[in-house]
Amino acid sequence: LTVGDPEVPRAWRQCVEDVCLVTVGDRHGEVLRLRDGPEDVVLAAGESRRLAVTVGTDAAADLAVEAHLISPWGTWEWTGPAALGAVLPAGGQVALEFEVAPPPGTEPGQWWALVRVAAAGELLYTPAVRLVVT
């Protein structure tokens, strides 16, 4: 649904998606599951690495997924994007990648990060991993 009338508030003019899950027969599966990742990221200031997760589904239709990188304050300037979207193909999987790139001069230290993935009303939180700047 998209509301295009310029007289309605701007927030109401965004595209909205609604989802209904229907189980056919005795088929039982997971709408959203973690297939791979994430792994610790160890790097020096000025370097760049990927923090990646792969999610899968047993659903018989494509799903729109939204992933958020969650990490402590002070890391947001060098991790991202904060959120990204993808299409998870029916019965398949999709890789979701974020960049970790502490700028030169970043003090050595250790932080954490995890990814929250949403699809079809389901939420999946990955295990937290370490972000280590050497």
Foldseek 3Di string as FASTA:
>chain_A
DADDDPVDDPVRRDDDDAFDDDDDDPDDWAAKDWDDDFEAAEEAAQDKDKGKTKMAGQAQAKKKKKKAKDWDPPQCVFKDDRMDIDIHGHRHMDMDIMMGHHHPPDDWDKIKIWMWMDINRDIDIDDIHIHTHD
